[in-house]
């Protein structure tokens, strides 16, 4: 029965309907060997030259933050850009869903924040000054980051919530100052 519940929860994560990814990954193994090397795998990278540029960074899928007064789900997502010089930029976005479909959802409200600061590895954790603490985990058979936000960025009640980030590679980034082809 527990396996079914976990699989059911994982299917909801893919649709953006999960109440929290944190409950699913609580028992994921924490990467404790060579944590600095582990986190370096998630450094922001730029490949290629203009106009054929690909960006590599860490990003999450949508995860549920809360339900608003109208009964609508509020979802969050994070894109994290760890730079080799010990600085980071994070793009935090919240949307309000007004209708789910079999292929996703429609939303009408979009609020975002860019958070900048310094990062450092202490023990097994990666600390992002002004944003939160990251744990390196193995989830779905792959290395991932589990970010616990240390403060509310837009909606109340976000502090302490976790969100899973994976490697992503694409042709654009949500922070214009990080784009190499302007």
N, C-alpha and C. Protein backbone atom coordinates (compact mmCIF):
# COMPACT_ATOMS: atom_id res chain seq x y z
N UNK A 1 0.82 -1.19 0.00
CA UNK A 1 0.00 0.00 0.00
C UNK A 1 0.87 1.26 0.00
N UNK A 2 1.97 1.24 0.76
CA UNK A 2 2.84 2.41 0.83
C UNK A 2 3.47 2.69 -0.53
N UNK A 3 3.86 1.64 -1.26
CA UNK A 3 4.44 1.82 -2.59
C UNK A 3 3.43 2.50 -3.50
N UNK A 4 2.18 2.06 -3.46
CA UNK A 4 1.14 2.69 -4.28
C UNK A 4 1.01 4.17 -3.92
N UNK A 5 1.01 4.49 -2.64
CA UNK A 5 0.86 5.88 -2.22
C UNK A 5 2.03 6.72 -2.73
N UNK A 6 3.24 6.21 -2.64
CA UNK A 6 4.40 6.94 -3.14
C UNK A 6 4.31 7.13 -4.64
N UNK A 7 3.95 6.08 -5.38
CA UNK A 7 3.81 6.20 -6.83
C UNK A 7 2.71 7.18 -7.18
N UNK A 8 1.60 7.14 -6.44
CA UNK A 8 0.51 8.08 -6.68
C UNK A 8 1.00 9.51 -6.44
N UNK A 9 1.75 9.73 -5.37
CA UNK A 9 2.28 11.06 -5.08
C UNK A 9 3.24 11.51 -6.18
N UNK A 10 4.08 10.59 -6.66
CA UNK A 10 5.02 10.95 -7.72
C UNK A 10 4.28 11.34 -8.98
N UNK A 11 3.18 10.67 -9.27
CA UNK A 11 2.42 11.03 -10.46
C UNK A 11 1.83 12.42 -10.31
N UNK A 12 1.46 12.80 -9.10
CA UNK A 12 0.93 14.14 -8.89
C UNK A 12 2.01 15.20 -9.01
N UNK A 13 3.24 14.88 -8.59
CA UNK A 13 4.33 15.83 -8.72
C UNK A 13 4.51 16.19 -10.19
N UNK A 14 4.43 15.20 -11.07
CA UNK A 14 4.57 15.46 -12.49
C UNK A 14 3.49 16.38 -13.02
N UNK A 15 2.34 16.40 -12.40
CA UNK A 15 1.23 17.26 -12.85
C UNK A 15 1.22 18.58 -12.10
N UNK A 16 2.10 18.74 -11.14
CA UNK A 16 2.11 19.97 -10.38
C UNK A 16 1.02 20.02 -9.32
N UNK A 17 0.46 18.88 -8.93
CA UNK A 17 -0.62 18.87 -7.95
C UNK A 17 -0.20 18.35 -6.59
N UNK A 18 1.07 18.14 -6.38
CA UNK A 18 1.53 17.60 -5.11
C UNK A 18 1.41 18.64 -4.01
N UNK A 19 1.06 18.20 -2.81
CA UNK A 19 1.01 19.14 -1.71
C UNK A 19 2.41 19.53 -1.27
N UNK A 20 3.36 18.64 -1.40
CA UNK A 20 4.75 18.96 -1.07
C UNK A 20 5.66 17.84 -1.53
N UNK A 21 6.69 18.21 -2.24
CA UNK A 21 7.68 17.22 -2.64
C UNK A 21 8.49 16.77 -1.43
N UNK A 22 8.56 17.60 -0.41
CA UNK A 22 9.36 17.29 0.77
C UNK A 22 8.95 15.96 1.38
N UNK A 23 7.66 15.68 1.48
CA UNK A 23 7.22 14.45 2.11
C UNK A 23 7.67 13.23 1.32
N UNK A 24 7.82 13.37 0.01
CA UNK A 24 8.24 12.25 -0.82
C UNK A 24 9.73 11.96 -0.66
N UNK A 25 10.53 12.99 -0.48
CA UNK A 25 11.97 12.82 -0.47
C UNK A 25 12.59 12.80 0.92
N UNK A 26 11.75 12.82 1.96
CA UNK A 26 12.28 12.82 3.32
C UNK A 26 13.27 11.68 3.57
N UNK A 27 13.00 10.53 2.99
CA UNK A 27 13.86 9.38 3.23
C UNK A 27 14.87 9.13 2.11
N UNK A 28 15.01 10.08 1.20
CA UNK A 28 15.99 9.93 0.13
C UNK A 28 17.38 9.97 0.73
N UNK A 29 18.30 9.12 0.22
CA UNK A 29 19.65 9.13 0.77
C UNK A 29 20.33 10.48 0.56
N UNK A 30 20.98 10.97 1.61
CA UNK A 30 21.71 12.23 1.53
C UNK A 30 23.12 11.92 1.06
N UNK A 31 23.61 12.71 0.15
CA UNK A 31 24.97 12.53 -0.35
C UNK A 31 25.92 13.09 0.69
N UNK A 32 26.74 12.22 1.27
CA UNK A 32 27.63 12.68 2.33
C UNK A 32 29.11 12.54 1.95
N UNK A 33 29.40 11.81 0.88
CA UNK A 33 30.79 11.68 0.45
C UNK A 33 31.12 12.81 -0.51
N UNK A 34 32.18 13.53 -0.23
CA UNK A 34 32.65 14.63 -1.07
C UNK A 34 31.53 15.60 -1.45
N UNK A 35 30.87 16.23 -0.46
CA UNK A 35 29.76 17.12 -0.77
C UNK A 35 30.15 18.28 -1.70
N UNK A 36 31.36 18.81 -1.56
CA UNK A 36 31.77 19.92 -2.44
C UNK A 36 31.75 19.48 -3.89
N UNK A 37 32.29 18.31 -4.18
CA UNK A 37 32.26 17.78 -5.55
C UNK A 37 30.83 17.58 -6.03
N UNK A 38 29.97 17.08 -5.15
CA UNK A 38 28.57 16.85 -5.52
C UNK A 38 27.92 18.17 -5.94
N UNK A 39 28.06 19.21 -5.15
CA UNK A 39 27.42 20.49 -5.45
C UNK A 39 28.02 21.15 -6.69
N UNK A 40 29.30 20.92 -6.94
CA UNK A 40 29.93 21.50 -8.13
C UNK A 40 29.29 20.98 -9.42
N UNK A 41 28.66 19.82 -9.37
CA UNK A 41 27.96 19.29 -10.55
C UNK A 41 26.80 20.19 -10.96
N UNK A 42 26.32 21.02 -10.03
CA UNK A 42 25.17 21.87 -10.29
C UNK A 42 25.56 23.31 -10.61
N UNK A 43 26.84 23.58 -10.85
CA UNK A 43 27.26 24.93 -11.19
C UNK A 43 26.65 25.38 -12.51
N UNK A 44 26.38 26.67 -12.60
CA UNK A 44 25.85 27.28 -13.81
C UNK A 44 26.91 27.20 -14.91
N UNK A 45 26.51 26.69 -16.06
CA UNK A 45 27.41 26.52 -17.20
C UNK A 45 26.79 27.09 -18.46
N UNK A 46 27.64 27.64 -19.31
CA UNK A 46 27.22 28.10 -20.62
C UNK A 46 28.02 27.32 -21.65
N UNK A 47 27.30 26.71 -22.60
CA UNK A 47 27.96 25.93 -23.66
C UNK A 47 27.65 26.59 -25.01
N UNK A 48 28.64 26.59 -25.89
CA UNK A 48 28.42 27.10 -27.23
C UNK A 48 28.68 28.59 -27.32
N UNK A 49 28.36 29.15 -28.48
CA UNK A 49 28.53 30.58 -28.71
C UNK A 49 27.28 31.12 -29.40
N UNK A 50 27.11 32.42 -29.34
CA UNK A 50 25.91 33.05 -29.89
C UNK A 50 25.80 32.78 -31.39
N UNK A 51 24.66 32.47 -31.91
CA UNK A 51 23.36 32.41 -31.23
C UNK A 51 23.01 31.02 -30.72
N UNK A 52 23.92 30.06 -30.82
CA UNK A 52 23.64 28.67 -30.41
C UNK A 52 24.21 28.39 -29.02
N UNK A 53 23.54 28.92 -28.03
CA UNK A 53 24.01 28.80 -26.65
C UNK A 53 23.06 27.90 -25.86
N UNK A 54 23.65 27.07 -25.02
CA UNK A 54 22.86 26.25 -24.10
C UNK A 54 23.31 26.58 -22.68
N UNK A 55 22.36 26.66 -21.78
CA UNK A 55 22.63 26.97 -20.38
C UNK A 55 22.32 25.74 -19.54
N UNK A 56 23.17 25.48 -18.56
CA UNK A 56 22.95 24.37 -17.64
C UNK A 56 22.89 24.93 -16.22
N UNK A 57 21.84 24.56 -15.49
CA UNK A 57 21.64 25.05 -14.13
C UNK A 57 20.69 24.11 -13.41
N UNK A 58 20.34 24.44 -12.18
CA UNK A 58 19.42 23.62 -11.40
C UNK A 58 18.05 24.30 -11.37
N UNK A 59 16.99 23.50 -11.56
CA UNK A 59 15.64 24.06 -11.55
C UNK A 59 14.66 23.03 -11.03
N UNK A 60 13.55 23.52 -10.53
CA UNK A 60 12.50 22.64 -9.99
C UNK A 60 11.33 22.57 -10.95
N UNK A 61 10.48 21.60 -10.69
CA UNK A 61 9.14 21.58 -11.29
C UNK A 61 8.25 22.39 -10.36
N UNK A 62 7.03 22.63 -10.78
CA UNK A 62 6.10 23.34 -9.91
C UNK A 62 5.75 22.47 -8.70
N UNK A 63 5.69 23.09 -7.54
CA UNK A 63 5.28 22.40 -6.31
C UNK A 63 4.29 23.30 -5.57
N UNK A 64 3.34 22.69 -4.95
CA UNK A 64 2.27 23.45 -4.29
C UNK A 64 2.79 24.16 -3.04
N UNK A 65 2.46 25.45 -2.95
CA UNK A 65 2.81 26.27 -1.79
C UNK A 65 1.65 26.28 -0.82
N UNK A 66 0.47 26.59 -1.36
CA UNK A 66 -0.70 26.78 -0.51
C UNK A 66 -1.95 26.80 -1.37
N UNK A 67 -3.07 27.02 -0.71
CA UNK A 67 -4.34 27.24 -1.39
C UNK A 67 -4.79 28.64 -0.97
N UNK A 68 -5.16 29.48 -1.94
CA UNK A 68 -5.55 30.85 -1.60
C UNK A 68 -7.00 30.91 -1.10
N UNK A 69 -7.47 32.09 -0.80
CA UNK A 69 -8.81 32.26 -0.23
C UNK A 69 -9.92 31.86 -1.20
N UNK A 70 -9.62 31.78 -2.50
CA UNK A 70 -10.60 31.36 -3.51
C UNK A 70 -10.55 29.85 -3.76
N UNK A 71 -9.68 29.14 -3.01
CA UNK A 71 -9.56 27.70 -3.18
C UNK A 71 -8.65 27.31 -4.34
N UNK A 72 -7.88 28.25 -4.86
CA UNK A 72 -6.97 27.98 -5.97
C UNK A 72 -5.59 27.60 -5.45
N UNK A 73 -4.95 26.65 -6.13
CA UNK A 73 -3.60 26.26 -5.76
C UNK A 73 -2.60 27.35 -6.14
N UNK A 74 -1.65 27.58 -5.25
CA UNK A 74 -0.53 28.47 -5.53
C UNK A 74 0.69 27.56 -5.65
N UNK A 75 1.37 27.62 -6.79
CA UNK A 75 2.53 26.77 -7.06
C UNK A 75 3.80 27.60 -7.10
N UNK A 76 4.91 26.99 -6.67
CA UNK A 76 6.21 27.66 -6.71
C UNK A 76 7.14 26.89 -7.62
N UNK A 77 8.15 27.60 -8.11
CA UNK A 77 9.25 26.97 -8.84
C UNK A 77 10.50 27.81 -8.59
N UNK A 78 11.65 27.15 -8.67
CA UNK A 78 12.92 27.81 -8.41
C UNK A 78 13.91 27.42 -9.50
N UNK A 79 14.65 28.42 -9.99
CA UNK A 79 15.81 28.17 -10.85
C UNK A 79 17.01 28.71 -10.09
N UNK A 80 18.06 27.90 -9.98
CA UNK A 80 19.22 28.25 -9.16
C UNK A 80 20.47 28.27 -10.02
N UNK A 81 21.20 29.38 -9.95
CA UNK A 81 22.41 29.57 -10.74
C UNK A 81 23.59 29.73 -9.78
N UNK A 82 24.29 28.62 -9.51
CA UNK A 82 25.46 28.64 -8.65
C UNK A 82 26.66 29.00 -9.50
N UNK A 83 27.38 30.04 -9.12
CA UNK A 83 28.53 30.46 -9.89
C UNK A 83 29.82 30.04 -9.20
N UNK A 84 30.85 29.79 -9.99
CA UNK A 84 32.13 29.29 -9.46
C UNK A 84 32.76 30.23 -8.44
N UNK A 85 32.46 31.51 -8.51
CA UNK A 85 33.07 32.48 -7.60
C UNK A 85 32.41 32.51 -6.22
N UNK A 86 31.49 31.58 -5.95
CA UNK A 86 30.83 31.51 -4.65
C UNK A 86 29.59 32.37 -4.54
N UNK A 87 29.16 32.96 -5.64
CA UNK A 87 27.93 33.74 -5.65
C UNK A 87 26.83 32.92 -6.31
N UNK A 88 25.59 33.30 -6.05
CA UNK A 88 24.46 32.63 -6.70
C UNK A 88 23.39 33.66 -7.03
N UNK A 89 22.55 33.27 -7.97
CA UNK A 89 21.32 34.00 -8.24
C UNK A 89 20.23 32.94 -8.31
N UNK A 90 19.09 33.25 -7.73
CA UNK A 90 17.95 32.34 -7.77
C UNK A 90 16.74 33.10 -8.28
N UNK A 91 16.01 32.44 -9.16
CA UNK A 91 14.76 32.99 -9.68
C UNK A 91 13.65 32.19 -9.04
N UNK A 92 12.84 32.87 -8.22
CA UNK A 92 11.73 32.24 -7.51
C UNK A 92 10.44 32.76 -8.12
N UNK A 93 9.53 31.86 -8.47
CA UNK A 93 8.29 32.22 -9.14
C UNK A 93 7.12 31.52 -8.47
N UNK A 94 6.03 32.24 -8.29
CA UNK A 94 4.77 31.65 -7.81
C UNK A 94 3.68 31.97 -8.81
N UNK A 95 2.82 30.99 -9.05
CA UNK A 95 1.67 31.19 -9.93
C UNK A 95 0.41 30.71 -9.22
N UNK A 96 -0.71 31.29 -9.60
CA UNK A 96 -2.01 30.88 -9.07
C UNK A 96 -2.74 30.13 -10.18
N UNK A 97 -3.09 28.88 -9.92
CA UNK A 97 -3.74 28.03 -10.91
C UNK A 97 -5.24 28.24 -10.85
N UNK A 98 -5.85 28.50 -11.99
CA UNK A 98 -7.31 28.61 -11.97
C UNK A 98 -7.99 27.42 -12.61
N UNK A 99 -7.25 26.57 -13.34
CA UNK A 99 -7.87 25.35 -13.87
C UNK A 99 -6.80 24.34 -14.25
N UNK A 100 -7.02 23.09 -13.84
CA UNK A 100 -6.15 21.98 -14.24
C UNK A 100 -6.74 21.30 -15.47
N UNK A 101 -5.87 20.80 -16.32
CA UNK A 101 -6.29 20.01 -17.48
C UNK A 101 -5.53 18.70 -17.43
N UNK A 102 -5.83 17.78 -18.35
CA UNK A 102 -5.09 16.51 -18.35
C UNK A 102 -3.63 16.71 -18.75
N UNK A 103 -3.30 17.84 -19.37
CA UNK A 103 -1.93 18.10 -19.81
C UNK A 103 -1.20 19.14 -18.97
N UNK A 104 -1.81 19.67 -17.95
CA UNK A 104 -1.16 20.70 -17.16
C UNK A 104 -2.16 21.59 -16.45
N UNK A 105 -2.01 22.90 -16.59
CA UNK A 105 -2.88 23.84 -15.90
C UNK A 105 -2.84 25.20 -16.57
N UNK A 106 -3.84 26.02 -16.24
CA UNK A 106 -3.88 27.41 -16.64
C UNK A 106 -3.70 28.25 -15.38
N UNK A 107 -2.96 29.35 -15.51
CA UNK A 107 -2.78 30.21 -14.34
C UNK A 107 -2.98 31.66 -14.74
N UNK A 108 -3.32 32.48 -13.74
CA UNK A 108 -3.60 33.88 -14.04
C UNK A 108 -2.77 34.86 -13.23
N UNK A 109 -2.02 34.38 -12.30
CA UNK A 109 -1.21 35.27 -11.48
C UNK A 109 0.21 34.75 -11.48
N UNK A 110 1.16 35.65 -11.68
CA UNK A 110 2.55 35.25 -11.74
C UNK A 110 3.36 36.31 -10.99
N UNK A 111 3.98 35.93 -9.89
CA UNK A 111 4.85 36.84 -9.15
C UNK A 111 6.21 36.18 -9.01
N UNK A 112 7.26 36.97 -9.17
CA UNK A 112 8.60 36.39 -9.08
C UNK A 112 9.54 37.32 -8.32
N UNK A 113 10.61 36.73 -7.85
CA UNK A 113 11.67 37.46 -7.16
C UNK A 113 13.01 36.88 -7.62
N UNK A 114 13.99 37.75 -7.70
CA UNK A 114 15.37 37.30 -7.92
C UNK A 114 16.10 37.53 -6.61
N UNK A 115 16.76 36.49 -6.12
CA UNK A 115 17.52 36.57 -4.88
C UNK A 115 18.98 36.34 -5.24
N UNK A 116 19.86 37.20 -4.74
CA UNK A 116 21.30 37.07 -5.00
C UNK A 116 22.03 36.97 -3.67
N UNK A 117 23.12 36.23 -3.67
CA UNK A 117 23.91 36.11 -2.46
C UNK A 117 25.12 35.24 -2.66
N UNK A 118 25.69 34.84 -1.56
CA UNK A 118 26.88 33.97 -1.55
C UNK A 118 26.45 32.56 -1.16
N UNK A 119 27.19 31.55 -1.67
CA UNK A 119 26.94 30.18 -1.28
C UNK A 119 28.22 29.57 -0.73
N UNK A 120 28.05 28.60 0.16
CA UNK A 120 29.20 27.87 0.69
C UNK A 120 28.75 26.51 1.17
N UNK A 121 29.66 25.56 1.11
CA UNK A 121 29.41 24.20 1.59
C UNK A 121 29.91 24.11 3.02
N UNK A 122 29.04 23.65 3.91
CA UNK A 122 29.39 23.43 5.31
C UNK A 122 28.90 22.03 5.65
N UNK A 123 29.84 21.12 5.96
CA UNK A 123 29.46 19.74 6.22
C UNK A 123 28.84 19.13 4.99
N UNK A 124 27.62 18.61 5.11
CA UNK A 124 26.92 17.99 3.99
C UNK A 124 25.97 18.95 3.29
N UNK A 125 25.85 20.17 3.80
CA UNK A 125 24.87 21.11 3.27
C UNK A 125 25.52 22.23 2.46
N UNK A 126 24.72 22.78 1.57
CA UNK A 126 25.09 23.97 0.81
C UNK A 126 24.21 25.09 1.34
N UNK A 127 24.83 26.15 1.83
CA UNK A 127 24.08 27.27 2.38
C UNK A 127 24.04 28.41 1.38
N UNK A 128 22.83 28.90 1.11
CA UNK A 128 22.60 30.02 0.21
C UNK A 128 22.18 31.20 1.08
N UNK A 129 23.09 32.15 1.30
CA UNK A 129 22.80 33.30 2.16
C UNK A 129 21.58 34.05 1.63
N UNK A 130 20.57 34.22 2.48
CA UNK A 130 19.37 34.95 2.12
C UNK A 130 18.30 34.13 1.43
N UNK A 131 18.56 32.83 1.25
CA UNK A 131 17.56 31.99 0.59
C UNK A 131 17.25 30.71 1.35
N UNK A 132 18.28 29.94 1.72
CA UNK A 132 18.00 28.70 2.44
C UNK A 132 19.16 27.73 2.44
N UNK A 133 18.83 26.50 2.81
CA UNK A 133 19.81 25.41 2.92
C UNK A 133 19.46 24.33 1.90
N UNK A 134 20.50 23.79 1.29
CA UNK A 134 20.35 22.74 0.29
C UNK A 134 21.00 21.47 0.78
N UNK A 135 20.32 20.34 0.55
CA UNK A 135 20.90 19.03 0.82
C UNK A 135 21.03 18.29 -0.50
N UNK A 136 22.16 17.65 -0.71
CA UNK A 136 22.33 16.82 -1.89
C UNK A 136 21.69 15.47 -1.64
N UNK A 137 20.82 15.03 -2.54
CA UNK A 137 20.11 13.77 -2.37
C UNK A 137 20.16 12.95 -3.64
N UNK A 138 19.88 11.67 -3.50
CA UNK A 138 19.65 10.80 -4.64
C UNK A 138 18.16 10.56 -4.68
N UNK A 139 17.51 10.98 -5.75
CA UNK A 139 16.06 10.91 -5.88
C UNK A 139 15.74 10.49 -7.30
N UNK A 140 14.86 9.52 -7.44
CA UNK A 140 14.53 8.96 -8.75
C UNK A 140 15.79 8.44 -9.44
N UNK A 141 16.75 7.95 -8.63
CA UNK A 141 17.99 7.38 -9.16
C UNK A 141 19.00 8.39 -9.66
N UNK A 142 18.77 9.66 -9.40
CA UNK A 142 19.66 10.70 -9.91
C UNK A 142 20.03 11.69 -8.81
N UNK A 143 21.20 12.34 -8.97
CA UNK A 143 21.55 13.39 -8.00
C UNK A 143 20.62 14.58 -8.16
N UNK A 144 20.13 15.08 -7.04
CA UNK A 144 19.22 16.23 -7.02
C UNK A 144 19.58 17.12 -5.84
N UNK A 145 19.00 18.28 -5.81
CA UNK A 145 19.14 19.20 -4.69
C UNK A 145 17.79 19.33 -4.01
N UNK A 146 17.78 19.32 -2.70
CA UNK A 146 16.57 19.56 -1.92
C UNK A 146 16.78 20.88 -1.19
N UNK A 147 16.09 21.92 -1.66
CA UNK A 147 16.23 23.27 -1.12
C UNK A 147 15.13 23.53 -0.10
N UNK A 148 15.54 23.92 1.10
CA UNK A 148 14.61 24.36 2.13
C UNK A 148 14.71 25.88 2.23
N UNK A 149 13.64 26.57 1.89
CA UNK A 149 13.65 28.03 1.94
C UNK A 149 13.63 28.51 3.38
N UNK A 150 14.45 29.51 3.68
CA UNK A 150 14.52 29.97 5.07
C UNK A 150 13.64 31.19 5.35
N UNK A 151 12.91 31.64 4.31
CA UNK A 151 12.01 32.78 4.53
C UNK A 151 10.90 32.75 3.47
N UNK A 152 9.85 33.48 3.76
CA UNK A 152 8.77 33.65 2.79
C UNK A 152 9.24 34.65 1.74
N UNK A 153 9.16 34.27 0.48
CA UNK A 153 9.58 35.17 -0.59
C UNK A 153 8.41 35.94 -1.18
N UNK A 154 7.26 35.30 -1.29
CA UNK A 154 6.05 35.98 -1.78
C UNK A 154 4.88 35.60 -0.87
N UNK A 155 4.42 34.36 -0.94
CA UNK A 155 3.29 33.91 -0.12
C UNK A 155 3.74 33.57 1.29
N UNK A 156 2.89 33.84 2.28
CA UNK A 156 3.22 33.44 3.65
C UNK A 156 3.19 31.92 3.78
N UNK A 157 4.04 31.39 4.66
CA UNK A 157 4.06 29.95 4.92
C UNK A 157 5.04 29.16 4.08
N UNK A 158 5.81 29.83 3.24
CA UNK A 158 6.77 29.13 2.37
C UNK A 158 8.04 28.76 3.13
N UNK A 159 8.42 29.56 4.11
CA UNK A 159 9.63 29.28 4.89
C UNK A 159 9.57 27.87 5.46
N UNK A 160 10.65 27.13 5.31
CA UNK A 160 10.72 25.77 5.82
C UNK A 160 10.27 24.72 4.82
N UNK A 161 9.57 25.12 3.77
CA UNK A 161 9.14 24.16 2.75
C UNK A 161 10.34 23.76 1.89
N UNK A 162 10.31 22.53 1.43
CA UNK A 162 11.38 22.04 0.56
C UNK A 162 10.90 21.94 -0.88
N UNK A 163 11.86 21.99 -1.79
CA UNK A 163 11.57 21.81 -3.21
C UNK A 163 12.78 21.13 -3.86
N UNK A 164 12.50 20.17 -4.73
CA UNK A 164 13.55 19.39 -5.39
C UNK A 164 13.97 20.08 -6.68
N UNK A 165 15.28 20.21 -6.86
CA UNK A 165 15.83 20.79 -8.08
C UNK A 165 16.68 19.75 -8.80
N UNK A 166 16.62 19.78 -10.13
CA UNK A 166 17.38 18.87 -10.98
C UNK A 166 18.25 19.67 -11.94
N UNK A 167 19.19 18.96 -12.59
CA UNK A 167 19.93 19.58 -13.68
C UNK A 167 18.95 19.88 -14.80
N UNK A 168 19.07 21.02 -15.42
CA UNK A 168 18.32 21.29 -16.64
C UNK A 168 19.27 21.94 -17.63
N UNK A 169 18.95 21.79 -18.88
CA UNK A 169 19.73 22.43 -19.92
C UNK A 169 18.76 22.99 -20.94
N UNK A 170 18.96 24.24 -21.31
CA UNK A 170 18.06 24.87 -22.26
C UNK A 170 18.70 26.05 -22.95
N UNK A 171 17.94 26.69 -23.81
CA UNK A 171 18.46 27.79 -24.61
C UNK A 171 18.19 29.16 -24.00
N UNK A 172 17.57 29.20 -22.86
CA UNK A 172 17.31 30.47 -22.20
C UNK A 172 17.33 30.32 -20.70
N UNK A 173 17.43 31.45 -20.02
CA UNK A 173 17.39 31.48 -18.56
C UNK A 173 16.44 32.60 -18.13
N UNK A 174 15.80 32.47 -16.97
CA UNK A 174 14.81 33.47 -16.56
C UNK A 174 15.41 34.77 -16.03
N UNK A 175 16.73 34.86 -15.88
CA UNK A 175 17.36 36.08 -15.39
C UNK A 175 18.15 36.69 -16.55
N UNK A 176 17.66 37.78 -17.14
CA UNK A 176 18.30 38.35 -18.33
C UNK A 176 19.79 38.64 -18.18
N UNK A 177 20.23 39.06 -17.00
CA UNK A 177 21.64 39.40 -16.82
C UNK A 177 22.57 38.20 -16.97
N UNK A 178 22.03 36.98 -16.90
CA UNK A 178 22.85 35.78 -17.05
C UNK A 178 22.91 35.29 -18.49
N UNK A 179 22.12 35.87 -19.37
CA UNK A 179 22.13 35.45 -20.77
C UNK A 179 23.36 36.01 -21.46
N UNK A 180 24.06 35.15 -22.19
CA UNK A 180 25.29 35.59 -22.84
C UNK A 180 25.04 36.24 -24.19
N UNK A 181 23.88 36.03 -24.80
CA UNK A 181 23.54 36.64 -26.10
C UNK A 181 22.46 37.68 -25.86
N UNK A 182 22.84 38.91 -25.71
CA UNK A 182 21.84 39.98 -25.47
C UNK A 182 21.79 40.92 -26.63
